[in-house]
Amino acid sequence: MSNIKNRRWVLAEYPGGMPDADTFRLEEDIALPDLKDGEILVAARFLSVDPYMRGRISPAKNYAPGIEPGQLMTGGGVGEVIESRSGKFKVGDFAETMGFGWQQFAVLDGDADGIARVDANLAPIESSLGWLGMPGRTAYFGLFHVAQIKPGDCVVISAASGAVGQVAGQLAKHHGCRTVAVASSQAKLDWCAEIGFDAGVNYREAGDDLPAAMGMACPDGVDVYFDNTSGPIQDAVMLNLALGARIALCGTIALSATFGQPDIGLRLNRQLLINRSRMQGFLVTDFADHYDEANQALAAARNAGHLEFREDVMDGIEAMPAAFLKLLTSDNFGKQLIKI
């Protein structure tokens, strides 16, 4: 590997609020170590940009270890094996892992639980980072294991055109639910309508009238809320809960500018009480034993024509920070990917 030099993004400093270009630093001409037994060298083809990364670059306590200044940025990726000392992977295979990082090449443990061989004949390899990967499985578990949706439920989904939201909406619709998309633009709501959502709310346009707009979209109340954002959208939903509502708390990207500060907002516990509702936070890894179940359900939905998926692809390792900031401000449209 002496002729291969890596390029990678590291965390330059903890952001005080919303991250910016100075939060990250590109390191070049990084030598790669020789492979040990069981390891593989993978050349990235697509890297994933996801909202959870915001929590990893804060010194505040989180559900997973954070990144310290000077360390490689975390993130998923899929790429081609170009050297192998693993019995599970050969040169030319494609490998996917959440532990790839923001880099062009990764030395990975081929025996680790979190790395998988990708069948390029089954679907485009980038699907392993989208509908057939972590986002798709997150949507499936949030709906069926956490919220336990039932036909006839009114299901509201924030960030509905995003990687998780668009899958969740289609799965819920196919299950017989009434689906309501919440998104930041009419173009995104148009896409949601195209893939089957019954109604939509533009939270930017609604502004302070968001609770009323939510009530108009859900006249009988919200039975299930798939929360990808937290923040004002969650507040508006909480004021429109139906009896026995369930909230699957998946993400808090709306709080991206206030990480490390006290979480102070509306006191809506009484809404949970009077509606006998339940709010549960979850991570996709909580359901690792059920990944095969989710994969089969997602593949079946895709093969039956019940699942469409939109991607927002930017080119080159240089674009990683810009893509991340684009995601935090809801300016992306679909699953955010970087093509290497």
C-alpha atoms as a PDB file:
ATOM      1  CA  MET A   1       0.000   0.000   0.000  1.00  0.00           C
ATOM      2  CA  SER A   2       3.023   2.281  -0.150  1.00  0.00           C
ATOM      3  CA  ASN A   3       1.744   4.036  -3.291  1.00  0.00           C
ATOM      4  CA  ILE A   4      -1.711   4.777  -1.873  1.00  0.00           C
ATOM      5  CA  LYS A   5      -2.229   7.980   0.073  1.00  0.00           C
ATOM      6  CA  ASN A   6      -5.422   8.708   1.915  1.00  0.00           C
ATOM      7  CA  ARG A   7      -7.462  11.915   2.150  1.00  0.00           C
ATOM      8  CA  ARG A   8      -9.706  12.341   5.155  1.00  0.00           C
ATOM      9  CA  TRP A   9     -11.725  14.897   7.100  1.00  0.00           C
ATOM     10  CA  VAL A  10     -11.114  15.317  10.820  1.00  0.00           C
ATOM     11  CA  LEU A  11     -12.900  17.418  13.406  1.00  0.00           C
ATOM     12  CA  ALA A  12     -10.926  20.648  13.748  1.00  0.00           C
ATOM     13  CA  GLU A  13     -12.863  22.088  16.683  1.00  0.00           C
ATOM     14  CA  TYR A  14     -16.115  21.671  18.574  1.00  0.00           C
ATOM     15  CA  PRO A  15     -18.729  24.038  17.141  1.00  0.00           C
ATOM     16  CA  GLY A  16     -20.247  26.504  19.593  1.00  0.00           C
ATOM     17  CA  GLY A  17     -23.620  26.264  17.853  1.00  0.00           C
ATOM     18  CA  MET A  18     -24.291  25.528  14.199  1.00  0.00           C
ATOM     19  CA  PRO A  19     -21.167  23.971  12.596  1.00  0.00           C
ATOM     20  CA  ASP A  20     -19.411  25.838   9.803  1.00  0.00           C
ATOM     21  CA  ALA A  21     -16.486  25.325   7.412  1.00  0.00           C
ATOM     22  CA  ASP A  22     -13.960  25.871  10.223  1.00  0.00           C
ATOM     23  CA  THR A  23     -15.369  22.910  12.161  1.00  0.00           C
ATOM     24  CA  PHE A  24     -13.566  20.438   9.861  1.00  0.00           C
ATOM     25  CA  ARG A  25     -10.077  20.023   8.412  1.00  0.00           C
ATOM     26  CA  LEU A  26      -9.032  18.056   5.322  1.00  0.00           C
ATOM     27  CA  GLU A  27      -5.869  16.007   5.788  1.00  0.00           C
ATOM     28  CA  GLU A  28      -4.032  14.786   2.687  1.00  0.00           C
ATOM     29  CA  ASP A  29      -1.201  12.415   1.788  1.00  0.00           C
ATOM     30  CA  ILE A  30      -1.949  10.179   4.769  1.00  0.00           C
ATOM     31  CA  ALA A  31      -0.025   6.908   4.681  1.00  0.00           C
ATOM     32  CA  LEU A  32      -2.058   3.731   5.104  1.00  0.00           C
ATOM     33  CA  PRO A  33      -0.866   0.931   7.399  1.00  0.00           C
ATOM     34  CA  ASP A  34      -0.066  -2.544   6.109  1.00  0.00           C
ATOM     35  CA  LEU A  35      -2.959  -4.944   6.467  1.00  0.00           C
ATOM     36  CA  LYS A  36      -3.071  -7.361   9.369  1.00  0.00           C
ATOM     37  CA  ASP A  37      -4.647 -10.794   9.210  1.00  0.00           C
ATOM     38  CA  GLY A  38      -8.424 -10.453   8.796  1.00  0.00           C
ATOM     39  CA  GLU A  39      -8.285  -6.888   7.483  1.00  0.00           C
ATOM     40  CA  ILE A  40      -9.336  -5.424   4.131  1.00  0.00           C
ATOM     41  CA  LEU A  41      -8.531  -2.204   2.306  1.00  0.00           C
ATOM     42  CA  VAL A  42     -11.625  -0.574   0.824  1.00  0.00           C
ATOM     43  CA  ALA A  43     -11.741   2.277  -1.694  1.00  0.00           C
ATOM     44  CA  ALA A  44     -14.823   4.404  -1.089  1.00  0.00           C
ATOM     45  CA  ARG A  45     -17.412   4.671  -3.852  1.00  0.00           C
ATOM     46  CA  PHE A  46     -20.168   6.402  -1.859  1.00  0.00           C
ATOM     47  CA  LEU A  47     -20.041   8.031   1.590  1.00  0.00           C
ATOM     48  CA  SER A  48     -23.108   8.710   3.690  1.00  0.00           C
ATOM     49  CA  VAL A  49     -23.977  12.018   5.366  1.00  0.00           C
ATOM     50  CA  ASP A  50     -26.496  11.678   8.199  1.00  0.00           C
ATOM     51  CA  PRO A  51     -28.071  13.855  10.926  1.00  0.00           C
ATOM     52  CA  TYR A  52     -26.699  11.739  13.798  1.00  0.00           C
ATOM     53  CA  MET A  53     -23.230  13.098  13.003  1.00  0.00           C
ATOM     54  CA  ARG A  54     -24.180  16.411  14.656  1.00  0.00           C
ATOM     55  CA  GLY A  55     -24.361  14.752  18.046  1.00  0.00           C
ATOM     56  CA  ARG A  56     -20.969  13.126  17.565  1.00  0.00           C
ATOM     57  CA  ILE A  57     -19.152  16.480  17.222  1.00  0.00           C
ATOM     58  CA  SER A  58     -20.413  17.841  20.536  1.00  0.00           C
ATOM     59  CA  PRO A  59     -18.661  17.342  23.889  1.00  0.00           C
ATOM     60  CA  ALA A  60     -22.116  16.841  25.432  1.00  0.00           C
ATOM     61  CA  LYS A  61     -23.137  13.353  26.562  1.00  0.00           C
ATOM     62  CA  ASN A  62     -24.617  11.306  23.722  1.00  0.00           C
ATOM     63  CA  TYR A  63     -25.759   7.748  23.037  1.00  0.00           C
ATOM     64  CA  ALA A  64     -22.411   6.935  21.396  1.00  0.00           C
ATOM     65  CA  PRO A  65     -18.832   8.136  21.972  1.00  0.00           C
ATOM     66  CA  GLY A  66     -18.173  11.525  20.442  1.00  0.00           C
ATOM     67  CA  ILE A  67     -15.388  12.641  18.128  1.00  0.00           C
ATOM     68  CA  GLU A  68     -12.607  14.700  19.636  1.00  0.00           C
ATOM     69  CA  PRO A  69     -10.759  17.432  17.723  1.00  0.00           C
ATOM     70  CA  GLY A  70      -8.150  15.844  15.479  1.00  0.00           C
ATOM     71  CA  GLN A  71     -10.048  12.573  15.103  1.00  0.00           C
ATOM     72  CA  LEU A  72     -11.522  11.177  11.893  1.00  0.00           C
ATOM     73  CA  MET A  73     -15.128  12.157  11.222  1.00  0.00           C
ATOM     74  CA  THR A  74     -17.432   9.186  11.606  1.00  0.00           C
ATOM     75  CA  GLY A  75     -19.842   8.010   8.926  1.00  0.00           C
ATOM     76  CA  GLY A  76     -21.040   5.158   6.788  1.00  0.00           C
ATOM     77  CA  GLY A  77     -19.715   4.200   3.397  1.00  0.00           C
ATOM     78  CA  VAL A  78     -19.678   1.566   0.698  1.00  0.00           C
ATOM     79  CA  GLY A  79     -16.698   0.758  -1.460  1.00  0.00           C
ATOM     80  CA  GLU A  80     -14.645  -1.784  -3.373  1.00  0.00           C
ATOM     81  CA  VAL A  81     -12.198  -4.132  -1.700  1.00  0.00           C
ATOM     82  CA  ILE A  82      -8.818  -3.521  -3.331  1.00  0.00           C
ATOM     83  CA  GLU A  83      -6.702  -5.621  -0.977  1.00  0.00           C
ATOM     84  CA  SER A  84      -7.703  -8.397   1.391  1.00  0.00           C
ATOM     85  CA  ARG A  85      -6.258 -10.546   4.124  1.00  0.00           C
ATOM     86  CA  SER A  86      -9.725 -11.690   5.160  1.00  0.00           C
ATOM     87  CA  GLY A  87     -11.329 -15.011   4.362  1.00  0.00           C
ATOM     88  CA  LYS A  88     -14.718 -13.276   4.105  1.00  0.00           C
ATOM     89  CA  PHE A  89     -13.844 -10.747   1.406  1.00  0.00           C
ATOM     90  CA  LYS A  90     -11.933 -11.003  -1.838  1.00  0.00           C
ATOM     91  CA  VAL A  91     -10.587  -8.267  -4.086  1.00  0.00           C
ATOM     92  CA  GLY A  92     -13.422  -6.846  -6.174  1.00  0.00           C
ATOM     93  CA  ASP A  93     -16.107  -7.395  -3.528  1.00  0.00           C
ATOM     94  CA  PHE A  94     -18.123  -4.438  -2.279  1.00  0.00           C
ATOM     95  CA  ALA A  95     -18.262  -3.779   1.462  1.00  0.00           C
ATOM     96  CA  GLU A  96     -20.528  -1.491   3.489  1.00  0.00           C
ATOM     97  CA  THR A  97     -20.107  -0.312   7.058  1.00  0.00           C
ATOM     98  CA  MET A  98     -21.245   2.482   9.354  1.00  0.00           C
ATOM     99  CA  GLY A  99     -17.627   2.726  10.472  1.00  0.00           C
ATOM    100  CA  PHE A 100     -16.081   3.860   7.184  1.00  0.00           C
ATOM    101  CA  GLY A 101     -15.446   7.505   8.120  1.00  0.00           C
ATOM    102  CA  TRP A 102     -15.045  10.620   5.998  1.00  0.00           C
ATOM    103  CA  GLN A 103     -12.133   9.282   3.964  1.00  0.00           C
ATOM    104  CA  GLN A 104     -11.258   7.902   0.545  1.00  0.00           C
ATOM    105  CA  PHE A 105      -9.736   4.634   1.804  1.00  0.00           C
ATOM    106  CA  ALA A 106     -10.463   2.611   4.915  1.00  0.00           C
ATOM    107  CA  VAL A 107      -8.642  -0.282   6.526  1.00  0.00           C
ATOM    108  CA  LEU A 108     -11.393  -2.390   8.071  1.00  0.00           C
ATOM    109  CA  ASP A 109     -11.715  -5.552  10.119  1.00  0.00           C
ATOM    110  CA  GLY A 110     -13.345  -7.978   7.709  1.00  0.00           C
ATOM    111  CA  ASP A 111     -14.640 -10.082  10.619  1.00  0.00           C
ATOM    112  CA  ALA A 112     -16.380  -7.232  12.459  1.00  0.00           C
ATOM    113  CA  ASP A 113     -20.142  -7.482  13.018  1.00  0.00           C
ATOM    114  CA  GLY A 114     -20.825  -4.093  11.457  1.00  0.00           C
ATOM    115  CA  ILE A 115     -19.389  -4.799   8.013  1.00  0.00           C
ATOM    116  CA  ALA A 116     -21.382  -6.462   5.243  1.00  0.00           C
ATOM    117  CA  ARG A 117     -20.783  -7.687   1.710  1.00  0.00           C
ATOM    118  CA  VAL A 118     -22.965  -5.848  -0.800  1.00  0.00           C
ATOM    119  CA  ASP A 119     -24.492  -7.662  -3.764  1.00  0.00           C
ATOM    120  CA  ALA A 120     -24.192  -5.229  -6.672  1.00  0.00           C
ATOM    121  CA  ASN A 121     -26.589  -7.402  -8.686  1.00  0.00           C
ATOM    122  CA  LEU A 122     -29.394  -6.966  -6.137  1.00  0.00           C
ATOM    123  CA  ALA A 123     -29.485  -3.161  -6.218  1.00  0.00           C
ATOM    124  CA  PRO A 124     -27.085  -0.248  -6.853  1.00  0.00           C
ATOM    125  CA  ILE A 125     -24.408  -0.381  -4.185  1.00  0.00           C
ATOM    126  CA  GLU A 126     -25.417   3.015  -2.757  1.00  0.00           C
ATOM    127  CA  SER A 127     -28.780   1.459  -1.798  1.00  0.00           C
ATOM    128  CA  SER A 128     -26.929  -0.143   1.120  1.00  0.00           C
ATOM    129  CA  LEU A 129     -26.636   3.383   2.561  1.00  0.00           C
ATOM    130  CA  GLY A 130     -30.274   4.243   1.859  1.00  0.00           C
ATOM    131  CA  TRP A 131     -33.498   2.290   1.534  1.00  0.00           C
ATOM    132  CA  LEU A 132     -31.751  -1.082   1.948  1.00  0.00           C
ATOM    133  CA  GLY A 133     -29.505   0.110   4.766  1.00  0.00           C
ATOM    134  CA  MET A 134     -29.604   2.076   7.993  1.00  0.00           C
ATOM    135  CA  PRO A 135     -32.262   4.648   6.915  1.00  0.00           C
ATOM    136  CA  GLY A 136     -34.639   2.016   5.566  1.00  0.00           C
ATOM    137  CA  ARG A 137     -34.258  -0.189   8.620  1.00  0.00           C
ATOM    138  CA  THR A 138     -34.728   2.831  10.900  1.00  0.00           C
ATOM    139  CA  ALA A 139     -38.035   3.611   9.183  1.00  0.00           C
ATOM    140  CA  TYR A 140     -39.183   0.000   9.467  1.00  0.00           C
ATOM    141  CA  PHE A 141     -38.347  -0.428  13.161  1.00  0.00           C
ATOM    142  CA  GLY A 142     -39.703   2.980  14.133  1.00  0.00           C
ATOM    143  CA  LEU A 143     -43.063   2.202  12.578  1.00  0.00           C
ATOM    144  CA  PHE A 144     -43.579  -1.465  13.318  1.00  0.00           C
ATOM    145  CA  HIS A 145     -41.578  -2.135  16.487  1.00  0.00           C
ATOM    146  CA  VAL A 146     -41.701   1.212  18.302  1.00  0.00           C
ATOM    147  CA  ALA A 147     -44.942   2.922  17.190  1.00  0.00           C
ATOM    148  CA  GLN A 148     -46.683  -0.356  16.344  1.00  0.00           C
ATOM    149  CA  ILE A 149     -48.744   1.244  13.588  1.00  0.00           C
ATOM    150  CA  LYS A 150     -52.197  -0.078  12.710  1.00  0.00           C
ATOM    151  CA  PRO A 151     -54.277   0.354   9.550  1.00  0.00           C
ATOM    152  CA  GLY A 152     -56.289   3.547   9.848  1.00  0.00           C
ATOM    153  CA  ASP A 153     -53.731   5.394  11.983  1.00  0.00           C
ATOM    154  CA  CYS A 154     -52.948   8.998  11.110  1.00  0.00           C
ATOM    155  CA  VAL A 155     -49.155   8.942  10.840  1.00  0.00           C
ATOM    156  CA  VAL A 156     -47.212  12.229  10.779  1.00  0.00           C
ATOM    157  CA  ILE A 157     -43.590  12.137   9.624  1.00  0.00           C
ATOM    158  CA  SER A 158     -41.152  15.035   9.945  1.00  0.00           C
ATOM    159  CA  ALA A 159     -38.277  15.420   7.464  1.00  0.00           C
ATOM    160  CA  ALA A 160     -40.614  13.399   5.277  1.00  0.00           C
ATOM    161  CA  SER A 161     -38.588  13.726   2.079  1.00  0.00           C
ATOM    162  CA  GLY A 162     -35.365  12.700   3.796  1.00  0.00           C
ATOM    163  CA  ALA A 163     -33.631   9.339   3.846  1.00  0.00           C
ATOM    164  CA  VAL A 164     -35.698   7.893   6.694  1.00  0.00           C
ATOM    165  CA  GLY A 165     -38.882   9.876   6.231  1.00  0.00           C
ATOM    166  CA  GLN A 166     -39.601   8.950   2.633  1.00  0.00           C
ATOM    167  CA  VAL A 167     -39.311   5.237   3.417  1.00  0.00           C
ATOM    168  CA  ALA A 168     -41.418   5.541   6.576  1.00  0.00           C
ATOM    169  CA  GLY A 169     -44.185   7.320   4.683  1.00  0.00           C
ATOM    170  CA  GLN A 170     -44.420   4.706   1.981  1.00  0.00           C
ATOM    171  CA  LEU A 171     -44.323   1.785   4.412  1.00  0.00           C
ATOM    172  CA  ALA A 172     -47.062   3.362   6.530  1.00  0.00           C
ATOM    173  CA  LYS A 173     -49.213   4.134   3.492  1.00  0.00           C
ATOM    174  CA  HIS A 174     -48.894   0.580   2.200  1.00  0.00           C
ATOM    175  CA  HIS A 175     -49.902  -0.641   5.670  1.00  0.00           C
ATOM    176  CA  GLY A 176     -53.219   1.205   5.387  1.00  0.00           C
ATOM    177  CA  CYS A 177     -52.393   4.355   7.347  1.00  0.00           C
ATOM    178  CA  ARG A 178     -53.196   7.968   6.520  1.00  0.00           C
ATOM    179  CA  THR A 179     -49.832   9.675   6.070  1.00  0.00           C
ATOM    180  CA  VAL A 180     -48.985  13.350   6.621  1.00  0.00           C
ATOM    181  CA  ALA A 181     -45.646  14.731   5.453  1.00  0.00           C
ATOM    182  CA  VAL A 182     -43.879  17.625   7.181  1.00  0.00           C
ATOM    183  CA  ALA A 183     -41.148  19.237   5.093  1.00  0.00           C
ATOM    184  CA  SER A 184     -39.418  22.565   4.451  1.00  0.00           C
ATOM    185  CA  SER A 185     -40.549  23.359   0.899  1.00  0.00           C
ATOM    186  CA  GLN A 186     -43.360  22.847  -1.568  1.00  0.00           C
ATOM    187  CA  ALA A 187     -41.017  20.921  -3.869  1.00  0.00           C
ATOM    188  CA  LYS A 188     -40.378  18.406  -1.095  1.00  0.00           C
ATOM    189  CA  LEU A 189     -44.083  18.130  -0.326  1.00  0.00           C
ATOM    190  CA  ASP A 190     -44.778  17.578  -4.036  1.00  0.00           C
ATOM    191  CA  TRP A 191     -42.350  14.650  -3.980  1.00  0.00           C
ATOM    192  CA  CYS A 192     -44.045  13.277  -0.880  1.00  0.00           C
ATOM    193  CA  ALA A 193     -47.420  13.493  -2.603  1.00  0.00           C
ATOM    194  CA  GLU A 194     -45.963  11.715  -5.620  1.00  0.00           C
ATOM    195  CA  ILE A 195     -44.869   8.757  -3.493  1.00  0.00           C
ATOM    196  CA  GLY A 196     -48.222   8.459  -1.735  1.00  0.00           C
ATOM    197  CA  PHE A 197     -48.476  10.811   1.242  1.00  0.00           C
ATOM    198  CA  ASP A 198     -52.082  11.917   1.801  1.00  0.00           C
ATOM    199  CA  ALA A 199     -51.372  15.439   3.079  1.00  0.00           C
ATOM    200  CA  GLY A 200     -48.499  17.770   3.770  1.00  0.00           C
ATOM    201  CA  VAL A 201     -47.424  20.661   6.002  1.00  0.00           C
ATOM    202  CA  ASN A 202     -44.732  23.178   5.054  1.00  0.00           C
ATOM    203  CA  TYR A 203     -43.335  24.072   8.464  1.00  0.00           C
ATOM    204  CA  ARG A 204     -41.362  27.062   7.195  1.00  0.00           C
ATOM    205  CA  GLU A 205     -44.403  28.567   5.533  1.00  0.00           C
ATOM    206  CA  ALA A 206     -46.629  27.858   8.545  1.00  0.00           C
ATOM    207  CA  GLY A 207     -44.289  29.589  10.998  1.00  0.00           C
ATOM    208  CA  ASP A 208     -46.012  30.416  14.274  1.00  0.00           C
ATOM    209  CA  ASP A 209     -49.240  28.908  12.920  1.00  0.00           C
ATOM    210  CA  LEU A 210     -47.690  25.439  12.731  1.00  0.00           C
ATOM    211  CA  PRO A 211     -49.920  23.913  15.451  1.00  0.00           C
ATOM    212  CA  ALA A 212     -53.027  25.119  13.597  1.00  0.00           C
ATOM    213  CA  ALA A 213     -51.659  23.852  10.272  1.00  0.00           C
ATOM    214  CA  MET A 214     -50.999  20.483  11.884  1.00  0.00           C
ATOM    215  CA  GLY A 215     -54.548  20.423  13.221  1.00  0.00           C
ATOM    216  CA  MET A 216     -55.965  21.089   9.758  1.00  0.00           C
ATOM    217  CA  ALA A 217     -53.884  18.263   8.269  1.00  0.00           C
ATOM    218  CA  CYS A 218     -54.889  15.903  11.096  1.00  0.00           C
ATOM    219  CA  PRO A 219     -58.509  16.810  11.998  1.00  0.00           C
ATOM    220  CA  ASP A 220     -58.961  13.674  14.100  1.00  0.00           C
ATOM    221  CA  GLY A 221     -55.598  14.030  15.827  1.00  0.00           C
ATOM    222  CA  VAL A 222     -52.208  12.402  15.383  1.00  0.00           C
ATOM    223  CA  ASP A 223     -52.120   8.679  16.175  1.00  0.00           C
ATOM    224  CA  VAL A 224     -48.444   8.162  15.364  1.00  0.00           C
ATOM    225  CA  TYR A 225     -45.645  10.684  15.060  1.00  0.00           C
ATOM    226  CA  PHE A 226     -42.370   9.562  13.495  1.00  0.00           C
ATOM    227  CA  ASP A 227     -40.112  12.298  14.815  1.00  0.00           C
ATOM    228  CA  ASN A 228     -36.949  12.886  12.811  1.00  0.00           C
ATOM    229  CA  THR A 229     -36.383  16.453  14.024  1.00  0.00           C
ATOM    230  CA  SER A 230     -37.722  17.322  17.501  1.00  0.00           C
ATOM    231  CA  GLY A 231     -38.071  21.094  17.990  1.00  0.00           C
ATOM    232  CA  PRO A 232     -41.097  23.176  16.904  1.00  0.00           C
ATOM    233  CA  ILE A 233     -42.562  20.397  14.737  1.00  0.00           C
ATOM    234  CA  GLN A 234     -42.706  18.089  17.725  1.00  0.00           C
ATOM    235  CA  ASP A 235     -44.336  20.860  19.763  1.00  0.00           C
ATOM    236  CA  ALA A 236     -47.025  21.289  17.098  1.00  0.00           C
ATOM    237  CA  VAL A 237     -47.717  17.563  16.988  1.00  0.00           C
ATOM    238  CA  MET A 238     -47.933  17.341  20.776  1.00  0.00           C
ATOM    239  CA  LEU A 239     -50.726  19.913  20.719  1.00  0.00           C
ATOM    240  CA  ASN A 240     -52.664  17.687  18.292  1.00  0.00           C
ATOM    241  CA  LEU A 241     -52.296  14.210  19.785  1.00  0.00           C
ATOM    242  CA  ALA A 242     -55.073  11.667  19.496  1.00  0.00           C
ATOM    243  CA  LEU A 243     -56.012   9.395  22.374  1.00  0.00           C
ATOM    244  CA  GLY A 244     -53.423   6.650  22.700  1.00  0.00           C
ATOM    245  CA  ALA A 245     -50.918   8.331  20.392  1.00  0.00           C
ATOM    246  CA  ARG A 246     -47.428   6.882  19.981  1.00  0.00           C
ATOM    247  CA  ILE A 247     -44.325   8.934  19.237  1.00  0.00           C
ATOM    248  CA  ALA A 248     -41.215   7.266  17.837  1.00  0.00           C
ATOM    249  CA  LEU A 249     -38.359   9.669  18.599  1.00  0.00           C
ATOM    250  CA  CYS A 250     -35.712   9.066  15.955  1.00  0.00           C
ATOM    251  CA  GLY A 251     -33.785  12.335  15.570  1.00  0.00           C
ATOM    252  CA  THR A 252     -33.287  15.831  16.981  1.00  0.00           C
ATOM    253  CA  ILE A 253     -31.704  17.723  14.081  1.00  0.00           C
ATOM    254  CA  ALA A 254     -33.839  20.810  14.810  1.00  0.00           C
ATOM    255  CA  LEU A 255     -31.724  21.264  17.946  1.00  0.00           C
ATOM    256  CA  SER A 256     -28.474  21.364  15.933  1.00  0.00           C
ATOM    257  CA  ALA A 257     -27.828  25.008  16.777  1.00  0.00           C
ATOM    258  CA  THR A 258     -28.264  24.481  20.531  1.00  0.00           C
ATOM    259  CA  PHE A 259     -26.144  21.400  21.262  1.00  0.00           C
ATOM    260  CA  GLY A 260     -24.517  21.687  24.659  1.00  0.00           C
ATOM    261  CA  GLN A 261     -27.168  24.134  25.901  1.00  0.00           C
ATOM    262  CA  PRO A 262     -30.083  23.256  28.203  1.00  0.00           C
ATOM    263  CA  ASP A 263     -33.055  21.753  26.352  1.00  0.00           C
ATOM    264  CA  ILE A 264     -35.761  24.205  27.354  1.00  0.00           C
ATOM    265  CA  GLY A 265     -39.028  24.324  25.440  1.00  0.00           C
ATOM    266  CA  LEU A 266     -42.755  23.853  25.817  1.00  0.00           C
ATOM    267  CA  ARG A 267     -43.797  21.727  28.796  1.00  0.00           C
ATOM    268  CA  LEU A 268     -46.043  19.245  27.015  1.00  0.00           C
ATOM    269  CA  ASN A 269     -46.033  16.322  29.425  1.00  0.00           C
ATOM    270  CA  ARG A 270     -49.664  17.077  30.175  1.00  0.00           C
ATOM    271  CA  GLN A 271     -50.503  16.337  26.542  1.00  0.00           C
ATOM    272  CA  LEU A 272     -48.981  12.891  26.990  1.00  0.00           C
ATOM    273  CA  LEU A 273     -50.945  12.431  30.188  1.00  0.00           C
ATOM    274  CA  ILE A 274     -54.416  13.470  29.062  1.00  0.00           C
ATOM    275  CA  ASN A 275     -54.105  11.545  25.778  1.00  0.00           C
ATOM    276  CA  ARG A 276     -52.533   8.499  27.473  1.00  0.00           C
ATOM    277  CA  SER A 277     -49.776   8.705  24.869  1.00  0.00           C
ATOM    278  CA  ARG A 278     -46.320   7.186  24.697  1.00  0.00           C
ATOM    279  CA  MET A 279     -43.020   8.670  23.490  1.00  0.00           C
ATOM    280  CA  GLN A 280     -40.072   6.325  22.958  1.00  0.00           C
ATOM    281  CA  GLY A 281     -36.604   7.130  21.708  1.00  0.00           C
ATOM    282  CA  PHE A 282     -34.866   4.439  19.691  1.00  0.00           C
ATOM    283  CA  LEU A 283     -31.755   3.626  17.689  1.00  0.00           C
ATOM    284  CA  VAL A 284     -31.657   1.279  14.726  1.00  0.00           C
ATOM    285  CA  THR A 285     -29.010  -0.799  16.489  1.00  0.00           C
ATOM    286  CA  ASP A 286     -31.533  -1.614  19.233  1.00  0.00           C
ATOM    287  CA  PHE A 287     -33.054  -4.037  16.731  1.00  0.00           C
ATOM    288  CA  ALA A 288     -29.916  -5.629  15.316  1.00  0.00           C
ATOM    289  CA  ASP A 289     -31.385  -9.094  15.825  1.00  0.00           C
ATOM    290  CA  HIS A 290     -34.190  -8.169  13.421  1.00  0.00           C
ATOM    291  CA  TYR A 291     -32.131  -6.729  10.534  1.00  0.00           C
ATOM    292  CA  ASP A 292     -32.930  -9.655   8.251  1.00  0.00           C
ATOM    293  CA  GLU A 293     -36.647  -9.179   8.907  1.00  0.00           C
ATOM    294  CA  ALA A 294     -36.390  -5.512   7.938  1.00  0.00           C
ATOM    295  CA  ASN A 295     -34.255  -6.196   4.858  1.00  0.00           C
ATOM    296  CA  GLN A 296     -36.727  -8.743   3.555  1.00  0.00           C
ATOM    297  CA  ALA A 297     -39.674  -6.397   4.113  1.00  0.00           C
ATOM    298  CA  LEU A 298     -37.896  -3.488   2.416  1.00  0.00           C
ATOM    299  CA  ALA A 299     -36.792  -5.581  -0.566  1.00  0.00           C
ATOM    300  CA  ALA A 300     -40.321  -6.958  -0.933  1.00  0.00           C
ATOM    301  CA  ALA A 301     -41.792  -3.445  -0.889  1.00  0.00           C
ATOM    302  CA  ARG A 302     -39.268  -2.262  -3.473  1.00  0.00           C
ATOM    303  CA  ASN A 303     -39.831  -5.268  -5.748  1.00  0.00           C
ATOM    304  CA  ALA A 304     -43.613  -4.802  -5.542  1.00  0.00           C
ATOM    305  CA  GLY A 305     -43.302  -1.167  -6.636  1.00  0.00           C
ATOM    306  CA  HIS A 306     -44.345   0.207  -3.242  1.00  0.00           C
ATOM    307  CA  LEU A 307     -41.064   1.936  -2.447  1.00  0.00           C
ATOM    308  CA  GLU A 308     -39.379   4.785  -4.312  1.00  0.00           C
ATOM    309  CA  PHE A 309     -36.280   6.538  -3.046  1.00  0.00           C
ATOM    310  CA  ARG A 310     -34.707   9.878  -3.881  1.00  0.00           C
ATOM    311  CA  GLU A 311     -31.026  10.670  -3.377  1.00  0.00           C
ATOM    312  CA  ASP A 312     -29.108  13.947  -3.217  1.00  0.00           C
ATOM    313  CA  VAL A 313     -25.616  13.186  -4.516  1.00  0.00           C
ATOM    314  CA  MET A 314     -22.618  15.516  -4.387  1.00  0.00           C
ATOM    315  CA  ASP A 315     -19.256  14.701  -5.943  1.00  0.00           C
ATOM    316  CA  GLY A 316     -15.853  14.362  -4.324  1.00  0.00           C
ATOM    317  CA  ILE A 317     -14.401  14.035  -0.846  1.00  0.00           C
ATOM    318  CA  GLU A 318     -13.983  17.813  -0.791  1.00  0.00           C
ATOM    319  CA  ALA A 319     -17.766  18.212  -0.595  1.00  0.00           C
ATOM    320  CA  MET A 320     -18.242  16.397   2.736  1.00  0.00           C
ATOM    321  CA  PRO A 321     -18.574  19.482   5.015  1.00  0.00           C
ATOM    322  CA  ALA A 322     -20.796  21.324   2.536  1.00  0.00           C
ATOM    323  CA  ALA A 323     -23.077  18.293   2.282  1.00  0.00           C
ATOM    324  CA  PHE A 324     -23.278  18.034   6.069  1.00  0.00           C
ATOM    325  CA  LEU A 325     -24.169  21.709   6.500  1.00  0.00           C
ATOM    326  CA  LYS A 326     -26.708  21.356   3.701  1.00  0.00           C
ATOM    327  CA  LEU A 327     -28.325  18.534   5.668  1.00  0.00           C
ATOM    328  CA  LEU A 328     -28.437  20.508   8.915  1.00  0.00           C
ATOM    329  CA  THR A 329     -30.265  23.401   7.229  1.00  0.00           C
ATOM    330  CA  SER A 330     -32.719  21.080   5.441  1.00  0.00           C
ATOM    331  CA  ASP A 331     -31.460  22.192   2.031  1.00  0.00           C
ATOM    332  CA  ASN A 332     -30.848  18.629   0.858  1.00  0.00           C
ATOM    333  CA  PHE A 333     -33.520  16.729  -1.053  1.00  0.00           C
ATOM    334  CA  GLY A 334     -33.500  13.019  -0.231  1.00  0.00           C
ATOM    335  CA  LYS A 335     -30.733  10.822   1.106  1.00  0.00           C
ATOM    336  CA  GLN A 336     -27.483  12.825   1.221  1.00  0.00           C
ATOM    337  CA  LEU A 337     -24.585  10.990  -0.415  1.00  0.00           C
ATOM    338  CA  ILE A 338     -21.087  11.809  -1.589  1.00  0.00           C
ATOM    339  CA  LYS A 339     -19.862  10.015  -4.700  1.00  0.00           C
ATOM    340  CA  ILE A 340     -16.148   9.370  -4.601  1.00  0.00           C
END
